Amino acid sequence: MALQMYLVDAFSIYAASALAANTIVRSIAGAVLPLCGLRMYDALGMGWGNSTLGFICLAMVPLPFLIQRWGEHLRTKFAIKNL
């Protein structure tokens, strides 16, 4: 929900296109990741498979802070015309 609100604020007149792109990526990830999950659990087992997912989530903890720190700079660096 927070990502969708960010996309609406960041791409004001192109918000519908940004939300559509977000939906497409989310749908593809939702279709592909369960297929990869079965292989991961077969190879690693339940313990290390769940730990791997936890480590991935832990690695993503700094992302909101990095976006908060550098987000405006990146948005202004690559200007979109008529935005």
N, C-alpha and C. Protein backbone atom coordinates (compact mmCIF):
# COMPACT_ATOMS: atom_id res chain seq x y z
N MET A 1 0.82 -1.18 0.00
CA MET A 1 0.00 0.00 0.00
C MET A 1 0.87 1.26 0.00
N ALA A 2 1.93 1.23 0.79
CA ALA A 2 2.82 2.40 0.84
C ALA A 2 3.52 2.61 -0.50
N LEU A 3 3.90 1.53 -1.15
CA LEU A 3 4.54 1.64 -2.46
C LEU A 3 3.60 2.24 -3.49
N GLN A 4 2.35 1.85 -3.44
CA GLN A 4 1.37 2.40 -4.39
C GLN A 4 1.17 3.89 -4.15
N MET A 5 1.12 4.31 -2.91
CA MET A 5 0.97 5.73 -2.62
C MET A 5 2.21 6.51 -3.07
N TYR A 6 3.38 5.91 -2.89
CA TYR A 6 4.61 6.54 -3.36
C TYR A 6 4.58 6.71 -4.88
N LEU A 7 4.15 5.67 -5.58
CA LEU A 7 4.09 5.76 -7.04
C LEU A 7 3.12 6.84 -7.50
N VAL A 8 2.00 6.95 -6.83
CA VAL A 8 1.03 7.99 -7.18
C VAL A 8 1.63 9.37 -6.96
N ASP A 9 2.34 9.57 -5.85
CA ASP A 9 2.93 10.87 -5.57
C ASP A 9 4.12 11.18 -6.47
N ALA A 10 4.92 10.17 -6.80
CA ALA A 10 6.13 10.40 -7.59
C ALA A 10 5.83 10.61 -9.07
N PHE A 11 4.81 9.93 -9.59
CA PHE A 11 4.49 10.01 -11.01
C PHE A 11 3.08 10.56 -11.19
N SER A 12 2.89 11.78 -10.77
CA SER A 12 1.55 12.37 -10.64
C SER A 12 0.63 12.12 -11.84
N ILE A 13 0.95 12.62 -13.02
CA ILE A 13 0.02 12.43 -14.14
C ILE A 13 0.19 11.06 -14.81
N TYR A 14 1.27 10.37 -14.51
CA TYR A 14 1.49 9.02 -15.04
C TYR A 14 1.25 7.96 -13.97
N ALA A 15 0.47 8.30 -12.96
CA ALA A 15 0.25 7.39 -11.84
C ALA A 15 -0.42 6.09 -12.29
N ALA A 16 -1.35 6.16 -13.21
CA ALA A 16 -2.04 4.95 -13.66
C ALA A 16 -1.05 4.00 -14.35
N SER A 17 -0.14 4.53 -15.14
CA SER A 17 0.85 3.69 -15.80
C SER A 17 1.83 3.09 -14.78
N ALA A 18 2.22 3.87 -13.79
CA ALA A 18 3.12 3.36 -12.76
C ALA A 18 2.45 2.25 -11.96
N LEU A 19 1.19 2.43 -11.63
CA LEU A 19 0.46 1.39 -10.88
C LEU A 19 0.24 0.15 -11.73
N ALA A 20 0.03 0.33 -13.02
CA ALA A 20 -0.13 -0.82 -13.91
C ALA A 20 1.18 -1.61 -14.01
N ALA A 21 2.30 -0.90 -14.13
CA ALA A 21 3.60 -1.58 -14.18
C ALA A 21 3.87 -2.31 -12.87
N ASN A 22 3.51 -1.70 -11.76
CA ASN A 22 3.67 -2.33 -10.46
C ASN A 22 2.82 -3.61 -10.37
N THR A 23 1.61 -3.56 -10.88
CA THR A 23 0.73 -4.72 -10.84
C THR A 23 1.27 -5.85 -11.71
N ILE A 24 1.82 -5.52 -12.86
CA ILE A 24 2.40 -6.54 -13.74
C ILE A 24 3.58 -7.24 -13.08
N VAL A 25 4.48 -6.45 -12.49
CA VAL A 25 5.65 -7.04 -11.82
C VAL A 25 5.21 -7.89 -10.64
N ARG A 26 4.24 -7.40 -9.86
CA ARG A 26 3.75 -8.15 -8.71
C ARG A 26 3.09 -9.46 -9.14
N SER A 27 2.35 -9.43 -10.24
CA SER A 27 1.69 -10.64 -10.73
C SER A 27 2.70 -11.66 -11.24
N ILE A 28 3.71 -11.21 -11.96
CA ILE A 28 4.75 -12.12 -12.45
C ILE A 28 5.49 -12.74 -11.28
N ALA A 29 5.83 -11.93 -10.29
CA ALA A 29 6.52 -12.47 -9.11
C ALA A 29 5.63 -13.47 -8.37
N GLY A 30 4.34 -13.17 -8.28
CA GLY A 30 3.42 -14.08 -7.62
C GLY A 30 3.25 -15.39 -8.36
N ALA A 31 3.46 -15.39 -9.66
CA ALA A 31 3.34 -16.62 -10.44
C ALA A 31 4.63 -17.43 -10.44
N VAL A 32 5.78 -16.77 -10.42
CA VAL A 32 7.06 -17.46 -10.56
C VAL A 32 7.63 -17.91 -9.22
N LEU A 33 7.51 -17.09 -8.19
CA LEU A 33 8.14 -17.43 -6.92
C LEU A 33 7.64 -18.72 -6.28
N PRO A 34 6.36 -19.05 -6.35
CA PRO A 34 5.96 -20.36 -5.80
C PRO A 34 6.60 -21.54 -6.53
N LEU A 35 6.87 -21.40 -7.80
CA LEU A 35 7.53 -22.47 -8.54
C LEU A 35 8.97 -22.65 -8.07
N CYS A 36 9.62 -21.56 -7.73
CA CYS A 36 10.99 -21.64 -7.22
C CYS A 36 11.03 -22.13 -5.79
N GLY A 37 9.97 -21.88 -5.04
CA GLY A 37 9.94 -22.26 -3.63
C GLY A 37 10.01 -23.76 -3.42
N LEU A 38 9.33 -24.52 -4.26
CA LEU A 38 9.36 -25.97 -4.12
C LEU A 38 10.78 -26.51 -4.29
N ARG A 39 11.48 -26.01 -5.28
CA ARG A 39 12.87 -26.45 -5.50
C ARG A 39 13.76 -26.08 -4.32
N MET A 40 13.55 -24.86 -3.80
CA MET A 40 14.38 -24.39 -2.69
C MET A 40 14.17 -25.29 -1.47
N TYR A 41 12.92 -25.58 -1.14
CA TYR A 41 12.66 -26.41 0.03
C TYR A 41 13.12 -27.85 -0.18
N ASP A 42 13.06 -28.35 -1.39
CA ASP A 42 13.59 -29.69 -1.65
C ASP A 42 15.11 -29.72 -1.46
N ALA A 43 15.79 -28.66 -1.88
CA ALA A 43 17.24 -28.63 -1.79
C ALA A 43 17.74 -28.29 -0.39
N LEU A 44 17.08 -27.36 0.30
CA LEU A 44 17.58 -26.87 1.58
C LEU A 44 16.85 -27.43 2.79
N GLY A 45 15.66 -27.93 2.60
CA GLY A 45 14.87 -28.38 3.74
C GLY A 45 14.10 -27.20 4.33
N MET A 46 13.23 -27.52 5.29
CA MET A 46 12.38 -26.47 5.87
C MET A 46 13.18 -25.46 6.69
N GLY A 47 14.15 -25.92 7.46
CA GLY A 47 14.91 -25.02 8.33
C GLY A 47 15.71 -23.98 7.57
N TRP A 48 16.58 -24.44 6.68
CA TRP A 48 17.42 -23.51 5.92
C TRP A 48 16.63 -22.78 4.84
N GLY A 49 15.57 -23.38 4.34
CA GLY A 49 14.73 -22.68 3.37
C GLY A 49 14.06 -21.47 3.99
N ASN A 50 13.49 -21.66 5.18
CA ASN A 50 12.88 -20.52 5.88
C ASN A 50 13.92 -19.51 6.32
N SER A 51 15.09 -20.00 6.74
CA SER A 51 16.16 -19.08 7.13
C SER A 51 16.62 -18.24 5.94
N THR A 52 16.70 -18.85 4.77
CA THR A 52 17.10 -18.11 3.57
C THR A 52 16.11 -16.99 3.27
N LEU A 53 14.83 -17.28 3.36
CA LEU A 53 13.83 -16.23 3.15
C LEU A 53 13.95 -15.14 4.20
N GLY A 54 14.22 -15.52 5.43
CA GLY A 54 14.42 -14.54 6.49
C GLY A 54 15.64 -13.66 6.24
N PHE A 55 16.73 -14.27 5.76
CA PHE A 55 17.94 -13.50 5.46
C PHE A 55 17.70 -12.52 4.31
N ILE A 56 16.92 -12.93 3.32
CA ILE A 56 16.59 -12.03 2.21
C ILE A 56 15.78 -10.84 2.73
N CYS A 57 14.81 -11.12 3.60
CA CYS A 57 14.02 -10.03 4.18
C CYS A 57 14.89 -9.12 5.04
N LEU A 58 15.81 -9.70 5.79
CA LEU A 58 16.71 -8.91 6.63
C LEU A 58 17.62 -8.03 5.77
N ALA A 59 18.04 -8.53 4.62
CA ALA A 59 18.88 -7.74 3.72
C ALA A 59 18.12 -6.55 3.13
N MET A 60 16.79 -6.65 3.06
CA MET A 60 15.99 -5.57 2.48
C MET A 60 15.56 -4.52 3.50
N VAL A 61 15.90 -4.71 4.77
CA VAL A 61 15.51 -3.73 5.79
C VAL A 61 16.06 -2.34 5.50
N PRO A 62 17.30 -2.17 5.03
CA PRO A 62 17.80 -0.81 4.78
C PRO A 62 17.18 -0.11 3.57
N LEU A 63 16.49 -0.83 2.70
CA LEU A 63 15.97 -0.20 1.48
C LEU A 63 15.05 0.99 1.73
N PRO A 64 14.09 0.95 2.63
CA PRO A 64 13.26 2.14 2.84
C PRO A 64 14.07 3.35 3.29
N PHE A 65 15.09 3.11 4.11
CA PHE A 65 15.93 4.22 4.57
C PHE A 65 16.78 4.78 3.43
N LEU A 66 17.26 3.90 2.56
CA LEU A 66 18.02 4.37 1.40
C LEU A 66 17.13 5.14 0.44
N ILE A 67 15.91 4.68 0.25
CA ILE A 67 14.97 5.40 -0.62
C ILE A 67 14.64 6.76 -0.02
N GLN A 68 14.46 6.79 1.30
CA GLN A 68 14.18 8.06 1.95
C GLN A 68 15.36 9.03 1.81
N ARG A 69 16.57 8.50 1.89
CA ARG A 69 17.77 9.35 1.81
C ARG A 69 18.06 9.79 0.38
N TRP A 70 18.00 8.89 -0.59
CA TRP A 70 18.44 9.17 -1.95
C TRP A 70 17.31 9.23 -2.97
N GLY A 71 16.06 9.01 -2.56
CA GLY A 71 14.95 8.95 -3.50
C GLY A 71 14.72 10.24 -4.27
N GLU A 72 14.74 11.36 -3.56
CA GLU A 72 14.51 12.64 -4.24
C GLU A 72 15.61 12.93 -5.24
N HIS A 73 16.84 12.62 -4.88
CA HIS A 73 17.97 12.84 -5.79
C HIS A 73 17.80 12.02 -7.07
N LEU A 74 17.40 10.76 -6.93
CA LEU A 74 17.22 9.91 -8.10
C LEU A 74 16.04 10.36 -8.96
N ARG A 75 14.96 10.83 -8.31
CA ARG A 75 13.81 11.31 -9.08
C ARG A 75 14.15 12.57 -9.86
N THR A 76 14.94 13.46 -9.29
CA THR A 76 15.27 14.71 -9.99
C THR A 76 16.40 14.51 -11.00
N LYS A 77 17.24 13.51 -10.79
CA LYS A 77 18.35 13.26 -11.70
C LYS A 77 17.85 12.80 -13.07
N PHE A 78 16.86 11.94 -13.08
CA PHE A 78 16.30 11.40 -14.31
C PHE A 78 14.90 12.00 -14.53
N ALA A 79 14.89 13.21 -15.00
CA ALA A 79 13.63 13.93 -15.15
C ALA A 79 12.76 13.33 -16.25
N ILE A 80 11.46 13.30 -16.00
CA ILE A 80 10.49 12.85 -16.99
C ILE A 80 9.80 14.09 -17.51
N LYS A 81 9.78 14.27 -18.80
CA LYS A 81 9.17 15.46 -19.37
C LYS A 81 7.68 15.45 -19.14
N ASN A 82 7.13 16.64 -18.93
CA ASN A 82 5.69 16.86 -18.71
C ASN A 82 5.17 16.17 -17.46
N LEU A 83 5.99 16.03 -16.45
CA LEU A 83 5.54 15.41 -15.21
C LEU A 83 5.27 16.46 -14.19
